Amino acid sequence: MAGKFLQVDILEPDKETVSAVSCVIKAGGTVIYPSDTVYGIIADSGNRAACQAVTAIKGYSSVRPFIVLVPDIESALTLVSTSGSVVLMRKYWPGPVTMVFKASRIVPDWLVSPGGTVALRQPADKLSQAILKETGRFLVTTSANRKAEPFPLTVESIHAEITLKTDITLDGGSLQSRRPSRILNCTGSIPVELRN
């Protein structure tokens, strides 16, 4: 199925497409999709091999922790050990804000940074929400570009090497009004902006 392209309405994603994506993710596959930020790659965060595949697709030589998409605050709280995190989650989510917290013991080691943190985000768009609900999994995500390349806002701007190595590419049109998520380090008493 590698390199398969599907059209998707990002405002009203159809059940068939969401189901196809869910099946691929549950089977350990990878998907390029139009997120509420830029075009990204998603996979099952609990599947080490799937996360390693994302690492290879991105062109990295070693596994690194990616952002984890969560469906809601309640489930996100199981992944963090930072006190007061719920207040910040309620302030910024759902939306294009990634927050870095101290990881709880249940977070797989491949999702935890060397500093013992995990990066989480609850997306606001209907497509991401539908995929999270259908899969019932936390999802790793990263932009669908190679290192040092621009963040992709159209399927056409994604390098062929990436789409060919990914099981499904969802084409939701241009995302020209969007940008990468803001990143906040929330491990201390005051959030520190890492990316605006």
N, C-alpha and C. Protein backbone atom coordinates (compact mmCIF):
# COMPACT_ATOMS: atom_id res chain seq x y z
N MET A 1 0.82 -1.21 0.00
CA MET A 1 0.00 0.00 0.00
C MET A 1 0.85 1.26 0.00
N ALA A 2 2.17 1.11 0.13
CA ALA A 2 3.04 2.27 0.23
C ALA A 2 2.84 3.22 -0.95
N GLY A 3 2.77 4.49 -0.66
CA GLY A 3 2.62 5.49 -1.70
C GLY A 3 1.19 5.73 -2.15
N LYS A 4 0.19 5.18 -1.44
CA LYS A 4 -1.21 5.36 -1.83
C LYS A 4 -1.69 6.76 -1.44
N PHE A 5 -2.40 7.44 -2.36
CA PHE A 5 -2.92 8.78 -2.12
C PHE A 5 -4.44 8.75 -2.02
N LEU A 6 -4.98 9.48 -1.04
CA LEU A 6 -6.42 9.60 -0.87
C LEU A 6 -6.78 11.06 -0.66
N GLN A 7 -7.88 11.50 -1.24
CA GLN A 7 -8.38 12.85 -1.01
C GLN A 7 -9.17 12.86 0.29
N VAL A 8 -9.11 13.96 1.02
CA VAL A 8 -9.87 14.07 2.27
C VAL A 8 -10.37 15.50 2.45
N ASP A 9 -11.58 15.63 2.94
CA ASP A 9 -12.15 16.93 3.29
C ASP A 9 -11.76 17.19 4.75
N ILE A 10 -10.89 18.16 4.98
CA ILE A 10 -10.39 18.39 6.33
C ILE A 10 -11.46 18.95 7.28
N LEU A 11 -12.50 19.53 6.71
CA LEU A 11 -13.58 20.07 7.55
C LEU A 11 -14.63 19.01 7.88
N GLU A 12 -14.83 18.08 6.95
CA GLU A 12 -15.80 16.99 7.17
C GLU A 12 -15.21 15.68 6.65
N PRO A 13 -14.25 15.12 7.35
CA PRO A 13 -13.63 13.87 6.87
C PRO A 13 -14.62 12.72 6.83
N ASP A 14 -14.60 11.95 5.74
CA ASP A 14 -15.55 10.85 5.60
C ASP A 14 -15.09 9.63 6.40
N LYS A 15 -16.06 8.84 6.82
CA LYS A 15 -15.78 7.70 7.68
C LYS A 15 -14.91 6.65 7.00
N GLU A 16 -15.08 6.47 5.71
CA GLU A 16 -14.31 5.46 4.98
C GLU A 16 -12.82 5.78 5.00
N THR A 17 -12.49 7.05 4.78
CA THR A 17 -11.09 7.46 4.79
C THR A 17 -10.50 7.32 6.18
N VAL A 18 -11.23 7.77 7.19
CA VAL A 18 -10.76 7.67 8.57
C VAL A 18 -10.56 6.21 8.95
N SER A 19 -11.45 5.35 8.52
CA SER A 19 -11.34 3.92 8.80
C SER A 19 -10.12 3.31 8.13
N ALA A 20 -9.85 3.72 6.88
CA ALA A 20 -8.67 3.21 6.16
C ALA A 20 -7.39 3.63 6.86
N VAL A 21 -7.35 4.87 7.30
CA VAL A 21 -6.18 5.37 8.03
C VAL A 21 -6.01 4.62 9.35
N SER A 22 -7.10 4.41 10.04
CA SER A 22 -7.07 3.70 11.32
C SER A 22 -6.51 2.29 11.15
N CYS A 23 -6.94 1.60 10.12
CA CYS A 23 -6.48 0.23 9.87
C CYS A 23 -4.97 0.20 9.64
N VAL A 24 -4.47 1.17 8.88
CA VAL A 24 -3.03 1.24 8.61
C VAL A 24 -2.25 1.50 9.89
N ILE A 25 -2.73 2.44 10.69
CA ILE A 25 -2.04 2.78 11.94
C ILE A 25 -2.04 1.61 12.91
N LYS A 26 -3.19 0.94 13.05
CA LYS A 26 -3.28 -0.20 13.95
C LYS A 26 -2.36 -1.35 13.51
N ALA A 27 -2.09 -1.41 12.22
CA ALA A 27 -1.22 -2.45 11.68
C ALA A 27 0.26 -2.05 11.74
N GLY A 28 0.54 -0.89 12.32
CA GLY A 28 1.93 -0.44 12.45
C GLY A 28 2.42 0.39 11.30
N GLY A 29 1.50 0.89 10.47
CA GLY A 29 1.88 1.69 9.32
C GLY A 29 2.01 3.18 9.62
N THR A 30 2.34 3.93 8.58
CA THR A 30 2.53 5.37 8.71
C THR A 30 1.64 6.11 7.72
N VAL A 31 1.21 7.30 8.11
CA VAL A 31 0.28 8.08 7.30
C VAL A 31 0.71 9.55 7.27
N ILE A 32 0.67 10.14 6.07
CA ILE A 32 0.85 11.58 5.94
C ILE A 32 -0.53 12.20 5.91
N TYR A 33 -0.73 13.26 6.68
CA TYR A 33 -2.07 13.85 6.73
C TYR A 33 -1.99 15.36 6.94
N PRO A 34 -3.06 16.08 6.55
CA PRO A 34 -3.12 17.53 6.79
C PRO A 34 -3.59 17.77 8.22
N SER A 35 -2.68 18.17 9.09
CA SER A 35 -3.02 18.39 10.49
C SER A 35 -3.59 19.79 10.69
N ASP A 36 -3.80 20.17 11.93
CA ASP A 36 -4.26 21.54 12.19
C ASP A 36 -3.08 22.51 12.20
N THR A 37 -1.89 22.00 11.85
CA THR A 37 -0.72 22.87 11.71
C THR A 37 -0.21 22.76 10.26
N VAL A 38 0.68 21.79 10.00
CA VAL A 38 1.21 21.58 8.65
C VAL A 38 0.96 20.12 8.27
N TYR A 39 1.39 19.72 7.08
CA TYR A 39 1.29 18.29 6.74
C TYR A 39 2.27 17.51 7.62
N GLY A 40 1.75 16.45 8.23
CA GLY A 40 2.57 15.69 9.16
C GLY A 40 2.51 14.21 8.88
N ILE A 41 3.34 13.48 9.59
CA ILE A 41 3.35 12.02 9.55
C ILE A 41 2.85 11.53 10.89
N ILE A 42 1.95 10.54 10.90
CA ILE A 42 1.45 9.98 12.15
C ILE A 42 1.63 8.46 12.14
N ALA A 43 1.75 7.92 13.37
CA ALA A 43 1.87 6.48 13.56
C ALA A 43 1.48 6.17 15.00
N ASP A 44 1.29 4.90 15.29
CA ASP A 44 0.94 4.45 16.63
C ASP A 44 2.11 4.67 17.59
N SER A 45 1.92 5.53 18.58
CA SER A 45 3.02 5.85 19.49
C SER A 45 3.43 4.67 20.36
N GLY A 46 2.53 3.71 20.53
CA GLY A 46 2.85 2.54 21.35
C GLY A 46 3.56 1.44 20.61
N ASN A 47 3.78 1.64 19.32
CA ASN A 47 4.43 0.64 18.48
C ASN A 47 5.86 1.12 18.17
N ARG A 48 6.84 0.49 18.80
CA ARG A 48 8.22 0.93 18.63
C ARG A 48 8.65 0.88 17.16
N ALA A 49 8.30 -0.18 16.46
CA ALA A 49 8.69 -0.33 15.06
C ALA A 49 8.08 0.78 14.20
N ALA A 50 6.84 1.14 14.48
CA ALA A 50 6.19 2.21 13.73
C ALA A 50 6.90 3.54 13.96
N CYS A 51 7.29 3.78 15.20
CA CYS A 51 8.01 5.02 15.51
C CYS A 51 9.39 5.03 14.86
N GLN A 52 10.02 3.86 14.79
CA GLN A 52 11.31 3.75 14.11
C GLN A 52 11.14 4.00 12.61
N ALA A 53 10.01 3.58 12.06
CA ALA A 53 9.74 3.83 10.64
C ALA A 53 9.62 5.32 10.37
N VAL A 54 8.95 6.04 11.28
CA VAL A 54 8.83 7.49 11.13
C VAL A 54 10.22 8.14 11.18
N THR A 55 11.05 7.66 12.09
CA THR A 55 12.43 8.15 12.19
C THR A 55 13.17 7.98 10.87
N ALA A 56 13.02 6.80 10.26
CA ALA A 56 13.70 6.52 8.99
C ALA A 56 13.14 7.39 7.86
N ILE A 57 11.83 7.56 7.84
CA ILE A 57 11.20 8.38 6.80
C ILE A 57 11.71 9.82 6.88
N LYS A 58 11.90 10.31 8.09
CA LYS A 58 12.39 11.68 8.28
C LYS A 58 13.87 11.83 7.91
N GLY A 59 14.57 10.70 7.82
CA GLY A 59 15.98 10.74 7.47
C GLY A 59 16.90 10.89 8.65
N TYR A 60 16.40 10.61 9.85
CA TYR A 60 17.24 10.67 11.04
C TYR A 60 18.00 9.36 11.21
N SER A 61 19.19 9.43 11.74
CA SER A 61 20.01 8.23 11.90
C SER A 61 19.70 7.48 13.19
N SER A 62 19.08 8.15 14.15
CA SER A 62 18.76 7.48 15.41
C SER A 62 17.35 7.85 15.85
N VAL A 63 16.75 6.97 16.64
CA VAL A 63 15.39 7.19 17.11
C VAL A 63 15.34 8.41 18.03
N ARG A 64 14.32 9.20 17.89
CA ARG A 64 14.16 10.37 18.75
C ARG A 64 12.69 10.49 19.14
N PRO A 65 12.42 11.07 20.30
CA PRO A 65 11.02 11.22 20.71
C PRO A 65 10.30 12.27 19.87
N PHE A 66 9.13 11.91 19.38
CA PHE A 66 8.32 12.84 18.61
C PHE A 66 7.17 13.37 19.48
N ILE A 67 6.46 14.36 18.97
CA ILE A 67 5.26 14.86 19.65
C ILE A 67 4.22 13.75 19.66
N VAL A 68 3.49 13.67 20.77
CA VAL A 68 2.43 12.67 20.91
C VAL A 68 1.08 13.38 20.90
N LEU A 69 0.21 12.96 19.99
CA LEU A 69 -1.14 13.51 19.93
C LEU A 69 -2.05 12.74 20.89
N VAL A 70 -2.83 13.48 21.66
CA VAL A 70 -3.75 12.88 22.62
C VAL A 70 -5.17 13.33 22.31
N PRO A 71 -6.18 12.50 22.61
CA PRO A 71 -7.56 12.86 22.29
C PRO A 71 -8.18 13.84 23.27
N ASP A 72 -7.70 13.83 24.52
CA ASP A 72 -8.31 14.69 25.54
C ASP A 72 -7.35 14.87 26.71
N ILE A 73 -7.71 15.77 27.60
CA ILE A 73 -6.86 16.09 28.75
C ILE A 73 -6.78 14.91 29.71
N GLU A 74 -7.89 14.23 29.92
CA GLU A 74 -7.91 13.11 30.85
C GLU A 74 -6.86 12.06 30.50
N SER A 75 -6.79 11.70 29.23
CA SER A 75 -5.80 10.71 28.81
C SER A 75 -4.38 11.28 28.84
N ALA A 76 -4.24 12.57 28.54
CA ALA A 76 -2.92 13.20 28.58
C ALA A 76 -2.32 13.17 29.98
N LEU A 77 -3.17 13.31 30.98
CA LEU A 77 -2.69 13.34 32.36
C LEU A 77 -2.05 12.03 32.79
N THR A 78 -2.39 10.93 32.12
CA THR A 78 -1.77 9.65 32.45
C THR A 78 -0.31 9.60 31.99
N LEU A 79 0.06 10.50 31.09
CA LEU A 79 1.39 10.48 30.50
C LEU A 79 2.36 11.45 31.17
N VAL A 80 1.88 12.25 32.11
CA VAL A 80 2.74 13.27 32.71
C VAL A 80 2.81 13.12 34.23
N SER A 81 3.90 13.65 34.77
CA SER A 81 4.05 13.65 36.22
C SER A 81 4.28 15.06 36.75
N THR A 82 4.09 16.05 35.89
CA THR A 82 4.29 17.45 36.27
C THR A 82 3.07 17.98 37.02
N SER A 83 3.27 18.50 38.20
CA SER A 83 2.15 19.04 38.97
C SER A 83 1.63 20.31 38.30
N GLY A 84 0.32 20.50 38.34
CA GLY A 84 -0.29 21.69 37.76
C GLY A 84 -0.46 21.62 36.26
N SER A 85 -0.17 20.46 35.66
CA SER A 85 -0.23 20.35 34.21
C SER A 85 -1.65 20.52 33.67
N VAL A 86 -2.65 20.12 34.45
CA VAL A 86 -4.04 20.20 33.97
C VAL A 86 -4.46 21.65 33.73
N VAL A 87 -3.94 22.56 34.53
CA VAL A 87 -4.27 23.98 34.36
C VAL A 87 -3.77 24.49 33.01
N LEU A 88 -2.55 24.11 32.66
CA LEU A 88 -1.97 24.54 31.39
C LEU A 88 -2.69 23.88 30.21
N MET A 89 -3.02 22.61 30.38
CA MET A 89 -3.73 21.90 29.31
C MET A 89 -5.07 22.57 29.02
N ARG A 90 -5.78 22.93 30.06
CA ARG A 90 -7.08 23.58 29.88
C ARG A 90 -6.93 24.96 29.25
N LYS A 91 -5.81 25.60 29.50
CA LYS A 91 -5.59 26.94 28.95
C LYS A 91 -5.29 26.90 27.45
N TYR A 92 -4.50 25.92 27.01
CA TYR A 92 -4.01 25.92 25.63
C TYR A 92 -4.66 24.90 24.69
N TRP A 93 -5.35 23.93 25.22
CA TRP A 93 -5.94 22.87 24.38
C TRP A 93 -7.44 22.94 24.30
N PRO A 94 -8.02 22.36 23.24
CA PRO A 94 -7.32 21.84 22.06
C PRO A 94 -6.82 22.97 21.17
N GLY A 95 -5.75 22.67 20.44
CA GLY A 95 -5.19 23.68 19.56
C GLY A 95 -3.74 23.41 19.20
N PRO A 96 -3.13 24.29 18.42
CA PRO A 96 -1.78 24.09 17.90
C PRO A 96 -0.67 24.47 18.88
N VAL A 97 -0.77 23.98 20.09
CA VAL A 97 0.25 24.24 21.11
C VAL A 97 0.74 22.90 21.66
N THR A 98 2.03 22.64 21.48
CA THR A 98 2.66 21.44 22.03
C THR A 98 3.26 21.81 23.38
N MET A 99 3.01 20.97 24.38
CA MET A 99 3.55 21.24 25.71
C MET A 99 4.44 20.08 26.16
N VAL A 100 5.58 20.44 26.71
CA VAL A 100 6.57 19.47 27.18
C VAL A 100 6.45 19.33 28.69
N PHE A 101 6.20 18.11 29.15
CA PHE A 101 6.05 17.82 30.57
C PHE A 101 7.01 16.72 30.99
N LYS A 102 7.22 16.58 32.29
CA LYS A 102 7.93 15.42 32.81
C LYS A 102 7.07 14.19 32.54
N ALA A 103 7.67 13.16 31.98
CA ALA A 103 6.92 11.97 31.59
C ALA A 103 6.62 11.07 32.79
N SER A 104 5.44 10.46 32.75
CA SER A 104 5.10 9.48 33.79
C SER A 104 5.78 8.16 33.47
N ARG A 105 5.69 7.22 34.40
CA ARG A 105 6.37 5.94 34.23
C ARG A 105 5.76 5.07 33.13
N ILE A 106 4.53 5.35 32.73
CA ILE A 106 3.90 4.49 31.73
C ILE A 106 4.28 4.87 30.30
N VAL A 107 4.96 5.99 30.12
CA VAL A 107 5.33 6.42 28.77
C VAL A 107 6.46 5.54 28.24
N PRO A 108 6.30 4.93 27.06
CA PRO A 108 7.37 4.10 26.50
C PRO A 108 8.67 4.88 26.36
N ASP A 109 9.78 4.20 26.55
CA ASP A 109 11.08 4.90 26.58
C ASP A 109 11.39 5.61 25.27
N TRP A 110 10.86 5.11 24.13
CA TRP A 110 11.18 5.75 22.85
C TRP A 110 10.43 7.07 22.64
N LEU A 111 9.51 7.39 23.57
CA LEU A 111 8.79 8.66 23.49
C LEU A 111 9.32 9.69 24.48
N VAL A 112 10.28 9.24 25.31
CA VAL A 112 10.81 10.10 26.37
C VAL A 112 12.15 10.68 25.97
N SER A 113 12.33 11.97 26.17
CA SER A 113 13.58 12.63 25.84
C SER A 113 14.65 12.25 26.87
N PRO A 114 15.94 12.52 26.56
CA PRO A 114 17.00 12.25 27.53
C PRO A 114 16.78 12.96 28.87
N GLY A 115 16.02 14.05 28.84
CA GLY A 115 15.74 14.79 30.07
C GLY A 115 14.53 14.27 30.83
N GLY A 116 13.95 13.19 30.33
CA GLY A 116 12.81 12.58 31.02
C GLY A 116 11.49 13.25 30.74
N THR A 117 11.38 13.92 29.59
CA THR A 117 10.15 14.64 29.26
C THR A 117 9.42 13.99 28.08
N VAL A 118 8.15 14.36 27.95
CA VAL A 118 7.34 13.93 26.81
C VAL A 118 6.60 15.16 26.27
N ALA A 119 6.51 15.25 24.94
CA ALA A 119 5.85 16.38 24.28
C ALA A 119 4.46 15.97 23.84
N LEU A 120 3.43 16.71 24.28
CA LEU A 120 2.05 16.34 24.02
C LEU A 120 1.27 17.47 23.35
N ARG A 121 0.25 17.05 22.57
CA ARG A 121 -0.63 18.05 21.98
C ARG A 121 -2.01 17.45 21.75
N GLN A 122 -3.05 18.20 22.08
CA GLN A 122 -4.42 17.80 21.76
C GLN A 122 -4.88 18.65 20.58
N PRO A 123 -4.99 18.04 19.38
CA PRO A 123 -5.38 18.82 18.20
C PRO A 123 -6.84 19.23 18.23
N ALA A 124 -7.13 20.31 17.52
CA ALA A 124 -8.49 20.84 17.52
C ALA A 124 -9.28 20.47 16.27
N ASP A 125 -8.59 20.05 15.21
CA ASP A 125 -9.28 19.83 13.94
C ASP A 125 -10.03 18.50 13.91
N LYS A 126 -11.07 18.45 13.07
CA LYS A 126 -11.95 17.28 13.01
C LYS A 126 -11.24 16.03 12.51
N LEU A 127 -10.31 16.18 11.57
CA LEU A 127 -9.63 15.01 11.02
C LEU A 127 -8.76 14.34 12.09
N SER A 128 -7.94 15.11 12.77
CA SER A 128 -7.09 14.54 13.83
C SER A 128 -7.93 13.89 14.92
N GLN A 129 -8.99 14.58 15.31
CA GLN A 129 -9.86 14.06 16.36
C GLN A 129 -10.51 12.74 15.92
N ALA A 130 -10.93 12.68 14.67
CA ALA A 130 -11.58 11.47 14.16
C ALA A 130 -10.60 10.29 14.12
N ILE A 131 -9.38 10.55 13.71
CA ILE A 131 -8.37 9.48 13.65
C ILE A 131 -8.02 8.99 15.04
N LEU A 132 -7.85 9.92 15.98
CA LEU A 132 -7.56 9.54 17.37
C LEU A 132 -8.68 8.68 17.95
N LYS A 133 -9.90 9.07 17.68
CA LYS A 133 -11.06 8.34 18.20
C LYS A 133 -11.16 6.96 17.57
N GLU A 134 -10.98 6.89 16.25
CA GLU A 134 -11.13 5.62 15.53
C GLU A 134 -10.03 4.62 15.90
N THR A 135 -8.81 5.12 16.07
CA THR A 135 -7.70 4.21 16.41
C THR A 135 -7.70 3.82 17.88
N GLY A 136 -8.14 4.76 18.73
CA GLY A 136 -8.07 4.50 20.16
C GLY A 136 -6.64 4.47 20.67
N ARG A 137 -5.73 5.09 19.93
CA ARG A 137 -4.31 5.09 20.28
C ARG A 137 -3.80 6.52 20.42
N PHE A 138 -2.73 6.68 21.20
CA PHE A 138 -1.96 7.91 21.14
C PHE A 138 -1.14 7.82 19.85
N LEU A 139 -0.92 8.96 19.19
CA LEU A 139 -0.22 8.96 17.91
C LEU A 139 1.02 9.84 17.96
N VAL A 140 2.14 9.32 17.48
CA VAL A 140 3.31 10.20 17.30
C VAL A 140 3.08 11.01 16.05
N THR A 141 3.59 12.22 16.06
CA THR A 141 3.47 13.07 14.87
C THR A 141 4.72 13.92 14.70
N THR A 142 5.02 14.20 13.47
CA THR A 142 6.12 15.09 13.11
C THR A 142 5.83 15.63 11.73
N SER A 143 6.41 16.74 11.37
CA SER A 143 6.15 17.33 10.06
C SER A 143 6.67 16.41 8.95
N ALA A 144 5.99 16.43 7.81
CA ALA A 144 6.32 15.54 6.70
C ALA A 144 7.40 16.14 5.79
N ASN A 145 8.52 16.48 6.40
CA ASN A 145 9.64 17.02 5.65
C ASN A 145 10.94 16.42 6.18
N ARG A 146 11.97 16.49 5.38
CA ARG A 146 13.30 16.05 5.82
C ARG A 146 13.96 17.19 6.58
N LYS A 147 15.01 16.86 7.30
CA LYS A 147 15.73 17.85 8.10
C LYS A 147 16.16 19.04 7.24
N ALA A 148 15.91 20.24 7.76
CA ALA A 148 16.31 21.51 7.13
C ALA A 148 15.44 21.90 5.95
N GLU A 149 14.44 21.08 5.58
CA GLU A 149 13.52 21.44 4.51
C GLU A 149 12.37 22.26 5.08
N PRO A 150 11.69 23.07 4.25
CA PRO A 150 10.55 23.85 4.73
C PRO A 150 9.41 22.95 5.20
N PHE A 151 8.60 23.45 6.13
CA PHE A 151 7.44 22.71 6.58
C PHE A 151 6.42 22.64 5.43
N PRO A 152 5.92 21.45 5.10
CA PRO A 152 5.02 21.32 3.94
C PRO A 152 3.60 21.79 4.23
N LEU A 153 3.09 22.60 3.32
CA LEU A 153 1.72 23.11 3.43
C LEU A 153 0.82 22.57 2.33
N THR A 154 1.40 21.80 1.40
CA THR A 154 0.65 21.10 0.36
C THR A 154 1.27 19.73 0.17
N VAL A 155 0.50 18.78 -0.36
CA VAL A 155 1.03 17.46 -0.66
C VAL A 155 2.13 17.56 -1.71
N GLU A 156 1.94 18.47 -2.67
CA GLU A 156 2.92 18.63 -3.75
C GLU A 156 4.29 19.06 -3.24
N SER A 157 4.33 19.71 -2.10
CA SER A 157 5.61 20.20 -1.57
C SER A 157 6.33 19.15 -0.72
N ILE A 158 5.71 17.98 -0.54
CA ILE A 158 6.34 16.91 0.23
C ILE A 158 7.24 16.10 -0.70
N HIS A 159 8.46 15.86 -0.26
CA HIS A 159 9.44 15.14 -1.07
C HIS A 159 8.93 13.73 -1.40
N ALA A 160 9.16 13.29 -2.64
CA ALA A 160 8.71 11.98 -3.09
C ALA A 160 9.27 10.85 -2.23
N GLU A 161 10.49 11.01 -1.73
CA GLU A 161 11.08 9.99 -0.87
C GLU A 161 10.22 9.72 0.36
N ILE A 162 9.56 10.75 0.85
CA ILE A 162 8.72 10.61 2.03
C ILE A 162 7.39 9.95 1.69
N THR A 163 6.74 10.41 0.62
CA THR A 163 5.44 9.82 0.28
C THR A 163 5.58 8.37 -0.15
N LEU A 164 6.66 8.01 -0.80
CA LEU A 164 6.85 6.64 -1.26
C LEU A 164 7.10 5.67 -0.10
N LYS A 165 7.63 6.19 1.00
CA LYS A 165 7.93 5.35 2.16
C LYS A 165 6.79 5.32 3.17
N THR A 166 5.75 6.09 2.88
CA THR A 166 4.60 6.16 3.78
C THR A 166 3.44 5.38 3.18
N ASP A 167 2.67 4.71 4.02
CA ASP A 167 1.61 3.84 3.53
C ASP A 167 0.47 4.59 2.83
N ILE A 168 0.02 5.67 3.45
CA ILE A 168 -1.06 6.48 2.86
C ILE A 168 -0.70 7.96 2.98
N THR A 169 -1.00 8.71 1.94
CA THR A 169 -0.90 10.17 1.99
C THR A 169 -2.30 10.73 1.79
N LEU A 170 -2.77 11.49 2.77
CA LEU A 170 -4.08 12.14 2.67
C LEU A 170 -3.88 13.56 2.13
N ASP A 171 -4.54 13.84 1.01
CA ASP A 171 -4.44 15.16 0.39
C ASP A 171 -5.66 15.98 0.78
N GLY A 172 -5.43 16.98 1.63
CA GLY A 172 -6.51 17.85 2.07
C GLY A 172 -6.41 19.24 1.49
N GLY A 173 -5.61 19.38 0.42
CA GLY A 173 -5.46 20.69 -0.20
C GLY A 173 -4.40 21.54 0.49
N SER A 174 -4.45 22.83 0.20
CA SER A 174 -3.45 23.76 0.73
C SER A 174 -3.75 24.15 2.18
N LEU A 175 -2.68 24.22 2.97
CA LEU A 175 -2.80 24.66 4.37
C LEU A 175 -2.07 25.99 4.56
N GLN A 176 -2.18 26.86 3.58
CA GLN A 176 -1.38 28.10 3.57
C GLN A 176 -1.61 28.98 4.79
N SER A 177 -2.76 28.87 5.43
CA SER A 177 -3.04 29.72 6.58
C SER A 177 -2.50 29.13 7.89
N ARG A 178 -1.83 27.97 7.81
CA ARG A 178 -1.39 27.28 9.02
C ARG A 178 0.12 27.36 9.21
N ARG A 179 0.56 26.98 10.40
CA ARG A 179 1.99 27.02 10.73
C ARG A 179 2.28 25.93 11.75
N PRO A 180 3.56 25.58 11.98
CA PRO A 180 3.89 24.56 12.97
C PRO A 180 3.39 24.95 14.36
N SER A 181 3.22 23.96 15.20
CA SER A 181 2.71 24.24 16.55
C SER A 181 3.70 25.04 17.37
N ARG A 182 3.16 25.84 18.23
CA ARG A 182 3.96 26.54 19.24
C ARG A 182 4.39 25.49 20.26
N ILE A 183 5.61 25.58 20.79
CA ILE A 183 6.08 24.60 21.76
C ILE A 183 6.43 25.30 23.08
N LEU A 184 5.86 24.79 24.17
CA LEU A 184 6.12 25.34 25.50
C LEU A 184 6.73 24.27 26.40
N ASN A 185 7.81 24.63 27.08
CA ASN A 185 8.38 23.74 28.10
C ASN A 185 7.65 24.02 29.40
N CYS A 186 6.89 23.02 29.86
CA CYS A 186 6.05 23.20 31.05
C CYS A 186 6.55 22.40 32.24
N THR A 187 7.84 22.15 32.28
CA THR A 187 8.40 21.35 33.37
C THR A 187 8.68 22.17 34.62
N GLY A 188 8.76 23.50 34.45
CA GLY A 188 9.03 24.37 35.59
C GLY A 188 7.77 25.06 36.08
N SER A 189 7.94 26.02 36.96
CA SER A 189 6.80 26.73 37.52
C SER A 189 6.15 27.68 36.52
N ILE A 190 6.96 28.14 35.54
CA ILE A 190 6.46 29.05 34.50
C ILE A 190 6.80 28.45 33.13
N PRO A 191 5.82 28.34 32.20
CA PRO A 191 6.09 27.81 30.88
C PRO A 191 7.13 28.64 30.12
N VAL A 192 8.05 27.96 29.44
CA VAL A 192 9.08 28.63 28.65
C VAL A 192 8.88 28.29 27.18
N GLU A 193 8.80 29.32 26.34
CA GLU A 193 8.54 29.10 24.93
C GLU A 193 9.79 28.59 24.23
N LEU A 194 9.67 27.43 23.57
CA LEU A 194 10.79 26.84 22.83
C LEU A 194 10.66 27.11 21.34
N ARG A 195 9.43 27.26 20.86
CA ARG A 195 9.19 27.61 19.46
C ARG A 195 7.90 28.38 19.38
N ASN A 196 7.95 29.52 18.67
CA ASN A 196 6.75 30.35 18.53
C ASN A 196 6.07 30.07 17.20
